[in-house]
Amino acid sequence: MSAQPTEAYGAHPRTQDEIGAALPPSQRMAFYRDMGSANEDEIAGVLRRWRLRLEIYNDPATPRVHAAVQQGTAPGRALSAVLRELGPR
Protein backbone atom coordinates (compact mmCIF):
# COMPACT_ATOMS: atom_id res chain seq x y z
CA MET A 1 0.00 0.00 0.00
CA SER A 2 1.36 3.42 -0.87
CA ALA A 3 0.51 6.75 0.63
CA GLN A 4 -1.31 9.12 -1.66
CA PRO A 5 -1.29 12.87 -1.20
CA THR A 6 -4.58 14.16 0.14
CA GLU A 7 -4.08 17.62 -1.30
CA ALA A 8 -4.35 18.22 -5.00
CA TYR A 9 -1.61 20.82 -5.36
CA GLY A 10 0.48 21.21 -2.25
CA ALA A 11 -0.03 21.90 1.42
CA HIS A 12 -2.45 24.62 2.37
CA PRO A 13 -1.28 27.35 4.70
CA ARG A 14 -3.10 27.39 8.02
CA THR A 15 -1.77 30.33 10.03
CA GLN A 16 -1.89 34.07 9.45
CA ASP A 17 1.86 34.16 8.72
CA GLU A 18 1.67 31.19 6.34
CA ILE A 19 -1.25 32.70 4.44
CA GLY A 20 0.44 36.10 4.20
CA ALA A 21 3.66 34.52 2.91
CA ALA A 22 1.80 32.43 0.32
CA LEU A 23 -0.19 35.33 -1.14
CA PRO A 24 0.97 37.26 -4.18
CA PRO A 25 2.40 40.63 -3.13
CA SER A 26 -0.53 42.42 -4.76
CA GLN A 27 -2.94 40.67 -2.35
CA ARG A 28 -0.82 40.56 0.81
CA MET A 29 -1.62 44.07 2.08
CA ALA A 30 -5.36 43.53 1.58
CA PHE A 31 -5.08 40.36 3.65
CA TYR A 32 -3.27 42.11 6.50
CA ARG A 33 -5.76 44.99 6.33
CA ASP A 34 -8.65 42.52 6.68
CA MET A 35 -6.89 40.77 9.56
CA GLY A 36 -6.18 44.04 11.31
CA SER A 37 -9.76 45.28 11.12
CA ALA A 38 -11.41 41.98 12.17
CA ASN A 39 -12.64 41.56 15.72
CA GLU A 40 -12.39 38.29 17.65
CA ASP A 41 -15.68 37.02 16.21
CA GLU A 42 -14.64 37.74 12.60
CA ILE A 43 -11.01 36.59 12.60
CA ALA A 44 -11.73 32.92 11.78
CA GLY A 45 -13.92 33.96 8.84
CA VAL A 46 -11.18 36.24 7.48
CA LEU A 47 -8.63 33.41 7.65
CA ARG A 48 -11.08 30.99 6.01
CA ARG A 49 -11.88 33.40 3.14
CA TRP A 50 -8.22 34.05 2.39
CA ARG A 51 -7.36 30.34 2.57
CA LEU A 52 -10.06 29.70 -0.03
CA ARG A 53 -8.67 32.46 -2.21
CA LEU A 54 -5.25 30.82 -2.02
CA GLU A 55 -6.75 27.54 -3.18
CA ILE A 56 -8.20 29.36 -6.19
CA TYR A 57 -4.91 31.15 -6.92
CA ASN A 58 -2.99 27.86 -6.72
CA ASP A 59 -5.45 25.68 -8.63
CA PRO A 60 -3.95 24.86 -12.04
CA ALA A 61 -7.43 24.95 -13.62
CA THR A 62 -8.16 28.54 -12.57
CA PRO A 63 -6.66 30.29 -15.64
CA ARG A 64 -8.46 27.92 -18.01
CA VAL A 65 -11.81 28.33 -16.25
CA HIS A 66 -11.39 32.10 -16.05
CA ALA A 67 -10.65 32.29 -19.78
CA ALA A 68 -13.71 30.15 -20.57
CA VAL A 69 -15.93 32.41 -18.47
CA GLN A 70 -14.56 35.53 -20.15
CA GLN A 71 -15.12 33.99 -23.60
CA GLY A 72 -18.61 32.79 -22.74
CA THR A 73 -17.72 29.15 -23.34
CA ALA A 74 -17.80 27.92 -19.73
CA PRO A 75 -20.36 25.24 -18.91
CA GLY A 76 -23.38 26.26 -16.91
CA ARG A 77 -25.69 29.24 -17.03
CA ALA A 78 -25.45 32.76 -15.77
CA LEU A 79 -27.26 33.52 -12.51
CA SER A 80 -29.02 36.43 -14.21
CA ALA A 81 -30.54 34.03 -16.77
CA VAL A 82 -31.78 31.68 -14.06
CA LEU A 83 -33.31 34.56 -12.10
CA ARG A 84 -35.08 35.84 -15.23
CA GLU A 85 -36.56 32.39 -15.80
CA LEU A 86 -37.77 32.16 -12.20
CA GLY A 87 -39.46 35.55 -12.48
CA PRO A 88 -40.42 37.85 -9.62
CA ARG A 89 -41.19 36.30 -6.27
PDB file of N, CA and C in Angstrom:
ATOM      1  N   MET A   1       0.847  -1.167   0.000  1.00  0.00           N
ATOM      2  CA  MET A   1       0.000   0.000   0.000  1.00  0.00           C
ATOM      3  C   MET A   1       0.895   1.232   0.000  1.00  0.00           C
ATOM      4  N   SER A   2       0.565   2.197  -0.833  1.00  0.00           N
ATOM      5  CA  SER A   2       1.363   3.425  -0.867  1.00  0.00           C
ATOM      6  C   SER A   2       0.531   4.600  -0.387  1.00  0.00           C
ATOM      7  N   ALA A   3       1.210   5.552   0.152  1.00  0.00           N
ATOM      8  CA  ALA A   3       0.514   6.751   0.633  1.00  0.00           C
ATOM      9  C   ALA A   3       0.252   7.679  -0.537  1.00  0.00           C
ATOM     10  N   GLN A   4      -0.939   8.181  -0.612  1.00  0.00           N
ATOM     11  CA  GLN A   4      -1.311   9.117  -1.659  1.00  0.00           C
ATOM     12  C   GLN A   4      -1.501  10.495  -1.041  1.00  0.00           C
ATOM     13  N   PRO A   5      -1.074  11.543  -1.748  1.00  0.00           N
ATOM     14  CA  PRO A   5      -1.288  12.872  -1.201  1.00  0.00           C
ATOM     15  C   PRO A   5      -2.777  13.164  -1.100  1.00  0.00           C
ATOM     16  N   THR A   6      -3.169  13.813  -0.023  1.00  0.00           N
ATOM     17  CA  THR A   6      -4.580  14.155   0.141  1.00  0.00           C
ATOM     18  C   THR A   6      -4.895  15.526  -0.428  1.00  0.00           C
ATOM     19  N   GLU A   7      -3.877  16.283  -0.780  1.00  0.00           N
ATOM     20  CA  GLU A   7      -4.085  17.620  -1.295  1.00  0.00           C
ATOM     21  C   GLU A   7      -3.697  17.642  -2.762  1.00  0.00           C
ATOM     22  N   ALA A   8      -4.533  18.249  -3.564  1.00  0.00           N
ATOM     23  CA  ALA A   8      -4.353  18.217  -5.003  1.00  0.00           C
ATOM     24  C   ALA A   8      -3.087  18.941  -5.465  1.00  0.00           C
ATOM     25  N   TYR A   9      -2.738  20.047  -4.863  1.00  0.00           N
ATOM     26  CA  TYR A   9      -1.608  20.818  -5.361  1.00  0.00           C
ATOM     27  C   TYR A   9      -0.848  21.487  -4.224  1.00  0.00           C
ATOM     28  N   GLY A  10      -0.373  20.693  -3.304  1.00  0.00           N
ATOM     29  CA  GLY A  10       0.478  21.206  -2.247  1.00  0.00           C
ATOM     30  C   GLY A  10      -0.255  21.445  -0.948  1.00  0.00           C
ATOM     31  N   ALA A  11       0.535  21.666   0.090  1.00  0.00           N
ATOM     32  CA  ALA A  11      -0.031  21.897   1.420  1.00  0.00           C
ATOM     33  C   ALA A  11      -0.679  23.270   1.484  1.00  0.00           C
ATOM     34  N   HIS A  12      -1.738  23.349   2.216  1.00  0.00           N
ATOM     35  CA  HIS A  12      -2.455  24.616   2.366  1.00  0.00           C
ATOM     36  C   HIS A  12      -1.980  25.325   3.628  1.00  0.00           C
ATOM     37  N   PRO A  13      -1.684  26.604   3.513  1.00  0.00           N
ATOM     38  CA  PRO A  13      -1.284  27.352   4.702  1.00  0.00           C
ATOM     39  C   PRO A  13      -2.420  27.419   5.706  1.00  0.00           C
ATOM     40  N   ARG A  14      -2.082  27.404   6.968  1.00  0.00           N
ATOM     41  CA  ARG A  14      -3.097  27.390   8.023  1.00  0.00           C
ATOM     42  C   ARG A  14      -3.060  28.630   8.902  1.00  0.00           C
ATOM     43  N   THR A  15      -1.886  29.215   9.095  1.00  0.00           N
ATOM     44  CA  THR A  15      -1.773  30.331  10.032  1.00  0.00           C
ATOM     45  C   THR A  15      -1.755  31.660   9.286  1.00  0.00           C
ATOM     46  N   GLN A  16      -1.916  32.741  10.043  1.00  0.00           N
ATOM     47  CA  GLN A  16      -1.885  34.073   9.450  1.00  0.00           C
ATOM     48  C   GLN A  16      -0.554  34.311   8.729  1.00  0.00           C
ATOM     49  N   ASP A  17       0.547  33.957   9.350  1.00  0.00           N
ATOM     50  CA  ASP A  17       1.855  34.164   8.723  1.00  0.00           C
ATOM     51  C   ASP A  17       2.020  33.313   7.471  1.00  0.00           C
ATOM     52  N   GLU A  18       1.560  32.064   7.509  1.00  0.00           N
ATOM     53  CA  GLU A  18       1.673  31.190   6.336  1.00  0.00           C
ATOM     54  C   GLU A  18       0.824  31.717   5.181  1.00  0.00           C
ATOM     55  N   ILE A  19      -0.375  32.165   5.485  1.00  0.00           N
ATOM     56  CA  ILE A  19      -1.250  32.699   4.443  1.00  0.00           C
ATOM     57  C   ILE A  19      -0.639  33.960   3.846  1.00  0.00           C
ATOM     58  N   GLY A  20      -0.181  34.876   4.697  1.00  0.00           N
ATOM     59  CA  GLY A  20       0.440  36.098   4.202  1.00  0.00           C
ATOM     60  C   GLY A  20       1.634  35.816   3.304  1.00  0.00           C
ATOM     61  N   ALA A  21       2.476  34.856   3.703  1.00  0.00           N
ATOM     62  CA  ALA A  21       3.658  34.516   2.912  1.00  0.00           C
ATOM     63  C   ALA A  21       3.300  33.866   1.580  1.00  0.00           C
ATOM     64  N   ALA A  22       2.190  33.146   1.533  1.00  0.00           N
ATOM     65  CA  ALA A  22       1.804  32.435   0.319  1.00  0.00           C
ATOM     66  C   ALA A  22       1.069  33.317  -0.684  1.00  0.00           C
ATOM     67  N   LEU A  23       0.571  34.453  -0.243  1.00  0.00           N
ATOM     68  CA  LEU A  23      -0.186  35.332  -1.138  1.00  0.00           C
ATOM     69  C   LEU A  23       0.735  36.075  -2.099  1.00  0.00           C
ATOM     70  N   PRO A  24       0.209  36.383  -3.288  1.00  0.00           N
ATOM     71  CA  PRO A  24       0.970  37.259  -4.177  1.00  0.00           C
ATOM     72  C   PRO A  24       1.106  38.636  -3.521  1.00  0.00           C
ATOM     73  N   PRO A  25       2.202  39.324  -3.765  1.00  0.00           N
ATOM     74  CA  PRO A  25       2.400  40.634  -3.133  1.00  0.00           C
ATOM     75  C   PRO A  25       1.232  41.595  -3.350  1.00  0.00           C
ATOM     76  N   SER A  26       0.582  41.509  -4.487  1.00  0.00           N
ATOM     77  CA  SER A  26      -0.533  42.420  -4.764  1.00  0.00           C
ATOM     78  C   SER A  26      -1.727  42.176  -3.848  1.00  0.00           C
ATOM     79  N   GLN A  27      -1.826  41.003  -3.236  1.00  0.00           N
ATOM     80  CA  GLN A  27      -2.942  40.667  -2.355  1.00  0.00           C
ATOM     81  C   GLN A  27      -2.573  40.709  -0.872  1.00  0.00           C
ATOM     82  N   ARG A  28      -1.287  40.687  -0.571  1.00  0.00           N
ATOM     83  CA  ARG A  28      -0.825  40.561   0.811  1.00  0.00           C
ATOM     84  C   ARG A  28      -1.307  41.702   1.710  1.00  0.00           C
ATOM     85  N   MET A  29      -1.212  42.935   1.244  1.00  0.00           N
ATOM     86  CA  MET A  29      -1.618  44.068   2.078  1.00  0.00           C
ATOM     87  C   MET A  29      -3.122  44.043   2.345  1.00  0.00           C
ATOM     88  N   ALA A  30      -3.917  43.639   1.370  1.00  0.00           N
ATOM     89  CA  ALA A  30      -5.364  43.532   1.582  1.00  0.00           C
ATOM     90  C   ALA A  30      -5.657  42.487   2.654  1.00  0.00           C
ATOM     91  N   PHE A  31      -4.917  41.384   2.635  1.00  0.00           N
ATOM     92  CA  PHE A  31      -5.084  40.357   3.651  1.00  0.00           C
ATOM     93  C   PHE A  31      -4.774  40.907   5.034  1.00  0.00           C
ATOM     94  N   TYR A  32      -3.631  41.572   5.182  1.00  0.00           N
ATOM     95  CA  TYR A  32      -3.267  42.111   6.499  1.00  0.00           C
ATOM     96  C   TYR A  32      -4.221  43.219   6.935  1.00  0.00           C
ATOM     97  N   ARG A  33      -4.766  43.973   5.996  1.00  0.00           N
ATOM     98  CA  ARG A  33      -5.760  44.987   6.330  1.00  0.00           C
ATOM     99  C   ARG A  33      -7.026  44.325   6.870  1.00  0.00           C
ATOM    100  N   ASP A  34      -7.476  43.255   6.204  1.00  0.00           N
ATOM    101  CA  ASP A  34      -8.655  42.520   6.681  1.00  0.00           C
ATOM    102  C   ASP A  34      -8.405  41.920   8.056  1.00  0.00           C
ATOM    103  N   MET A  35      -7.218  41.362   8.265  1.00  0.00           N
ATOM    104  CA  MET A  35      -6.892  40.766   9.555  1.00  0.00           C
ATOM    105  C   MET A  35      -6.864  41.834  10.646  1.00  0.00           C
ATOM    106  N   GLY A  36      -6.308  42.987  10.323  1.00  0.00           N
ATOM    107  CA  GLY A  36      -6.182  44.045  11.309  1.00  0.00           C
ATOM    108  C   GLY A  36      -7.502  44.677  11.704  1.00  0.00           C
ATOM    109  N   SER A  37      -8.478  44.639  10.810  1.00  0.00           N
ATOM    110  CA  SER A  37      -9.758  45.276  11.117  1.00  0.00           C
ATOM    111  C   SER A  37     -10.794  44.284  11.654  1.00  0.00           C
ATOM    112  N   ALA A  38     -10.463  42.995  11.693  1.00  0.00           N
ATOM    113  CA  ALA A  38     -11.406  41.983  12.173  1.00  0.00           C
ATOM    114  C   ALA A  38     -11.393  41.912  13.695  1.00  0.00           C
ATOM    115  N   ASN A  39     -12.581  41.757  14.271  1.00  0.00           N
ATOM    116  CA  ASN A  39     -12.645  41.557  15.718  1.00  0.00           C
ATOM    117  C   ASN A  39     -12.540  40.060  16.013  1.00  0.00           C
ATOM    118  N   GLU A  40     -12.608  39.695  17.276  1.00  0.00           N
ATOM    119  CA  GLU A  40     -12.389  38.287  17.646  1.00  0.00           C
ATOM    120  C   GLU A  40     -13.443  37.350  17.073  1.00  0.00           C
ATOM    121  N   ASP A  41     -14.635  37.862  16.791  1.00  0.00           N
ATOM    122  CA  ASP A  41     -15.679  37.020  16.205  1.00  0.00           C
ATOM    123  C   ASP A  41     -15.497  36.843  14.701  1.00  0.00           C
ATOM    124  N   GLU A  42     -14.796  37.753  14.063  1.00  0.00           N
ATOM    125  CA  GLU A  42     -14.643  37.735  12.603  1.00  0.00           C
ATOM    126  C   GLU A  42     -13.333  37.119  12.126  1.00  0.00           C
ATOM    127  N   ILE A  43     -12.362  36.982  13.002  1.00  0.00           N
ATOM    128  CA  ILE A  43     -11.010  36.594  12.597  1.00  0.00           C
ATOM    129  C   ILE A  43     -10.967  35.224  11.908  1.00  0.00           C
ATOM    130  N   ALA A  44     -11.723  34.262  12.401  1.00  0.00           N
ATOM    131  CA  ALA A  44     -11.729  32.925  11.777  1.00  0.00           C
ATOM    132  C   ALA A  44     -12.303  32.996  10.371  1.00  0.00           C
ATOM    133  N   GLY A  45     -13.331  33.807  10.179  1.00  0.00           N
ATOM    134  CA  GLY A  45     -13.919  33.964   8.844  1.00  0.00           C
ATOM    135  C   GLY A  45     -12.948  34.612   7.869  1.00  0.00           C
ATOM    136  N   VAL A  46     -12.181  35.587   8.335  1.00  0.00           N
ATOM    137  CA  VAL A  46     -11.184  36.240   7.479  1.00  0.00           C
ATOM    138  C   VAL A  46     -10.134  35.222   7.049  1.00  0.00           C
ATOM    139  N   LEU A  47      -9.619  34.443   8.000  1.00  0.00           N
ATOM    140  CA  LEU A  47      -8.630  33.414   7.652  1.00  0.00           C
ATOM    141  C   LEU A  47      -9.205  32.403   6.667  1.00  0.00           C
ATOM    142  N   ARG A  48     -10.446  31.969   6.894  1.00  0.00           N
ATOM    143  CA  ARG A  48     -11.083  30.993   6.007  1.00  0.00           C
ATOM    144  C   ARG A  48     -11.229  31.546   4.583  1.00  0.00           C
ATOM    145  N   ARG A  49     -11.702  32.795   4.469  1.00  0.00           N
ATOM    146  CA  ARG A  49     -11.877  33.395   3.137  1.00  0.00           C
ATOM    147  C   ARG A  49     -10.554  33.479   2.382  1.00  0.00           C
ATOM    148  N   TRP A  50      -9.501  33.918   3.063  1.00  0.00           N
ATOM    149  CA  TRP A  50      -8.221  34.054   2.392  1.00  0.00           C
ATOM    150  C   TRP A  50      -7.596  32.697   2.080  1.00  0.00           C
ATOM    151  N   ARG A  51      -7.840  31.691   2.903  1.00  0.00           N
ATOM    152  CA  ARG A  51      -7.359  30.340   2.567  1.00  0.00           C
ATOM    153  C   ARG A  51      -8.046  29.837   1.309  1.00  0.00           C
ATOM    154  N   LEU A  52      -9.339  30.106   1.176  1.00  0.00           N
ATOM    155  CA  LEU A  52     -10.058  29.697  -0.029  1.00  0.00           C
ATOM    156  C   LEU A  52      -9.539  30.434  -1.255  1.00  0.00           C
ATOM    157  N   ARG A  53      -9.248  31.710  -1.092  1.00  0.00           N
ATOM    158  CA  ARG A  53      -8.670  32.462  -2.211  1.00  0.00           C
ATOM    159  C   ARG A  53      -7.342  31.857  -2.638  1.00  0.00           C
ATOM    160  N   LEU A  54      -6.520  31.454  -1.676  1.00  0.00           N
ATOM    161  CA  LEU A  54      -5.247  30.818  -2.016  1.00  0.00           C
ATOM    162  C   LEU A  54      -5.459  29.530  -2.801  1.00  0.00           C
ATOM    163  N   GLU A  55      -6.472  28.767  -2.429  1.00  0.00           N
ATOM    164  CA  GLU A  55      -6.754  27.544  -3.182  1.00  0.00           C
ATOM    165  C   GLU A  55      -7.099  27.881  -4.629  1.00  0.00           C
ATOM    166  N   ILE A  56      -7.853  28.944  -4.824  1.00  0.00           N
ATOM    167  CA  ILE A  56      -8.198  29.356  -6.189  1.00  0.00           C
ATOM    168  C   ILE A  56      -6.952  29.822  -6.930  1.00  0.00           C
ATOM    169  N   TYR A  57      -6.128  30.657  -6.276  1.00  0.00           N
ATOM    170  CA  TYR A  57      -4.909  31.146  -6.924  1.00  0.00           C
ATOM    171  C   TYR A  57      -3.987  30.005  -7.316  1.00  0.00           C
ATOM    172  N   ASN A  58      -3.925  28.952  -6.492  1.00  0.00           N
ATOM    173  CA  ASN A  58      -2.989  27.856  -6.717  1.00  0.00           C
ATOM    174  C   ASN A  58      -3.556  26.720  -7.562  1.00  0.00           C
ATOM    175  N   ASP A  59      -4.839  26.739  -7.837  1.00  0.00           N
ATOM    176  CA  ASP A  59      -5.455  25.677  -8.627  1.00  0.00           C
ATOM    177  C   ASP A  59      -5.016  25.815 -10.084  1.00  0.00           C
ATOM    178  N   PRO A  60      -4.418  24.766 -10.654  1.00  0.00           N
ATOM    179  CA  PRO A  60      -3.950  24.862 -12.037  1.00  0.00           C
ATOM    180  C   PRO A  60      -5.084  25.076 -13.049  1.00  0.00           C
ATOM    181  N   ALA A  61      -6.310  24.773 -12.684  1.00  0.00           N
ATOM    182  CA  ALA A  61      -7.427  24.947 -13.618  1.00  0.00           C
ATOM    183  C   ALA A  61      -7.955  26.377 -13.648  1.00  0.00           C
ATOM    184  N   THR A  62      -7.588  27.193 -12.677  1.00  0.00           N
ATOM    185  CA  THR A  62      -8.159  28.539 -12.571  1.00  0.00           C
ATOM    186  C   THR A  62      -7.980  29.374 -13.837  1.00  0.00           C
ATOM    187  N   PRO A  63      -6.789  29.466 -14.430  1.00  0.00           N
ATOM    188  CA  PRO A  63      -6.657  30.290 -15.640  1.00  0.00           C
ATOM    189  C   PRO A  63      -7.538  29.797 -16.790  1.00  0.00           C
ATOM    190  N   ARG A  64      -7.643  28.481 -16.932  1.00  0.00           N
ATOM    191  CA  ARG A  64      -8.465  27.917 -18.014  1.00  0.00           C
ATOM    192  C   ARG A  64      -9.940  28.236 -17.795  1.00  0.00           C
ATOM    193  N   VAL A  65     -10.403  28.057 -16.569  1.00  0.00           N
ATOM    194  CA  VAL A  65     -11.806  28.330 -16.250  1.00  0.00           C
ATOM    195  C   VAL A  65     -12.102  29.820 -16.404  1.00  0.00           C
ATOM    196  N   HIS A  66     -11.193  30.657 -15.933  1.00  0.00           N
ATOM    197  CA  HIS A  66     -11.388  32.105 -16.049  1.00  0.00           C
ATOM    198  C   HIS A  66     -11.489  32.514 -17.519  1.00  0.00           C
ATOM    199  N   ALA A  67     -10.609  31.969 -18.354  1.00  0.00           N
ATOM    200  CA  ALA A  67     -10.645  32.294 -19.778  1.00  0.00           C
ATOM    201  C   ALA A  67     -11.959  31.834 -20.408  1.00  0.00           C
ATOM    202  N   ALA A  68     -12.442  30.654 -20.020  1.00  0.00           N
ATOM    203  CA  ALA A  68     -13.707  30.154 -20.570  1.00  0.00           C
ATOM    204  C   ALA A  68     -14.876  31.031 -20.156  1.00  0.00           C
ATOM    205  N   VAL A  69     -14.871  31.519 -18.936  1.00  0.00           N
ATOM    206  CA  VAL A  69     -15.931  32.411 -18.467  1.00  0.00           C
ATOM    207  C   VAL A  69     -15.888  33.712 -19.249  1.00  0.00           C
ATOM    208  N   GLN A  70     -14.703  34.267 -19.427  1.00  0.00           N
ATOM    209  CA  GLN A  70     -14.559  35.529 -20.153  1.00  0.00           C
ATOM    210  C   GLN A  70     -14.991  35.394 -21.615  1.00  0.00           C
ATOM    211  N   GLN A  71     -14.765  34.223 -22.203  1.00  0.00           N
ATOM    212  CA  GLN A  71     -15.122  33.991 -23.604  1.00  0.00           C
ATOM    213  C   GLN A  71     -16.561  33.523 -23.771  1.00  0.00           C
ATOM    214  N   GLY A  72     -17.236  33.259 -22.667  1.00  0.00           N
ATOM    215  CA  GLY A  72     -18.613  32.794 -22.742  1.00  0.00           C
ATOM    216  C   GLY A  72     -18.751  31.335 -23.118  1.00  0.00           C
ATOM    217  N   THR A  73     -17.682  30.563 -22.957  1.00  0.00           N
ATOM    218  CA  THR A  73     -17.720  29.150 -23.340  1.00  0.00           C
ATOM    219  C   THR A  73     -17.720  28.209 -22.137  1.00  0.00           C
ATOM    220  N   ALA A  74     -17.798  28.758 -20.935  1.00  0.00           N
ATOM    221  CA  ALA A  74     -17.799  27.919 -19.731  1.00  0.00           C
ATOM    222  C   ALA A  74     -19.129  27.180 -19.617  1.00  0.00           C
ATOM    223  N   PRO A  75     -19.103  25.956 -19.092  1.00  0.00           N
ATOM    224  CA  PRO A  75     -20.365  25.239 -18.911  1.00  0.00           C
ATOM    225  C   PRO A  75     -21.215  25.908 -17.834  1.00  0.00           C
ATOM    226  N   GLY A  76     -22.486  25.687 -17.906  1.00  0.00           N
ATOM    227  CA  GLY A  76     -23.383  26.263 -16.906  1.00  0.00           C
ATOM    228  C   GLY A  76     -24.122  27.467 -17.470  1.00  0.00           C
ATOM    229  N   ARG A  77     -24.888  28.092 -16.610  1.00  0.00           N
ATOM    230  CA  ARG A  77     -25.685  29.244 -17.028  1.00  0.00           C
ATOM    231  C   ARG A  77     -25.457  30.394 -16.072  1.00  0.00           C
ATOM    232  N   ALA A  78     -25.633  31.566 -16.583  1.00  0.00           N
ATOM    233  CA  ALA A  78     -25.454  32.759 -15.766  1.00  0.00           C
ATOM    234  C   ALA A  78     -26.587  32.850 -14.745  1.00  0.00           C
ATOM    235  N   LEU A  79     -26.259  33.334 -13.556  1.00  0.00           N
ATOM    236  CA  LEU A  79     -27.258  33.519 -12.513  1.00  0.00           C
ATOM    237  C   LEU A  79     -28.366  34.452 -12.980  1.00  0.00           C
ATOM    238  N   SER A  80     -28.006  35.481 -13.724  1.00  0.00           N
ATOM    239  CA  SER A  80     -29.019  36.428 -14.206  1.00  0.00           C
ATOM    240  C   SER A  80     -30.045  35.728 -15.102  1.00  0.00           C
ATOM    241  N   ALA A  81     -29.607  34.767 -15.922  1.00  0.00           N
ATOM    242  CA  ALA A  81     -30.537  34.027 -16.772  1.00  0.00           C
ATOM    243  C   ALA A  81     -31.483  33.166 -15.937  1.00  0.00           C
ATOM    244  N   VAL A  82     -30.958  32.518 -14.924  1.00  0.00           N
ATOM    245  CA  VAL A  82     -31.782  31.679 -14.058  1.00  0.00           C
ATOM    246  C   VAL A  82     -32.810  32.534 -13.333  1.00  0.00           C
ATOM    247  N   LEU A  83     -32.385  33.677 -12.814  1.00  0.00           N
ATOM    248  CA  LEU A  83     -33.313  34.556 -12.103  1.00  0.00           C
ATOM    249  C   LEU A  83     -34.409  35.101 -13.023  1.00  0.00           C
ATOM    250  N   ARG A  84     -34.059  35.401 -14.268  1.00  0.00           N
ATOM    251  CA  ARG A  84     -35.080  35.843 -15.233  1.00  0.00           C
ATOM    252  C   ARG A  84     -36.108  34.740 -15.458  1.00  0.00           C
ATOM    253  N   GLU A  85     -35.649  33.499 -15.582  1.00  0.00           N
ATOM    254  CA  GLU A  85     -36.559  32.389 -15.801  1.00  0.00           C
ATOM    255  C   GLU A  85     -37.484  32.165 -14.611  1.00  0.00           C
ATOM    256  N   LEU A  86     -36.963  32.353 -13.411  1.00  0.00           N
ATOM    257  CA  LEU A  86     -37.770  32.165 -12.203  1.00  0.00           C
ATOM    258  C   LEU A  86     -38.814  33.253 -12.054  1.00  0.00           C
ATOM    259  N   GLY A  87     -38.515  34.430 -12.568  1.00  0.00           N
ATOM    260  CA  GLY A  87     -39.457  35.546 -12.477  1.00  0.00           C
ATOM    261  C   GLY A  87     -39.510  36.145 -11.089  1.00  0.00           C
ATOM    262  N   PRO A  88     -40.324  37.195 -10.929  1.00  0.00           N
ATOM    263  CA  PRO A  88     -40.418  37.849  -9.622  1.00  0.00           C
ATOM    264  C   PRO A  88     -41.060  36.940  -8.596  1.00  0.00           C
ATOM    265  N   ARG A  89     -40.629  37.108  -7.366  1.00  0.00           N
ATOM    266  CA  ARG A  89     -41.189  36.296  -6.266  1.00  0.00           C
ATOM    267  C   ARG A  89     -41.684  37.165  -5.184  1.00  0.00           C
TER     268      ARG A  89
END
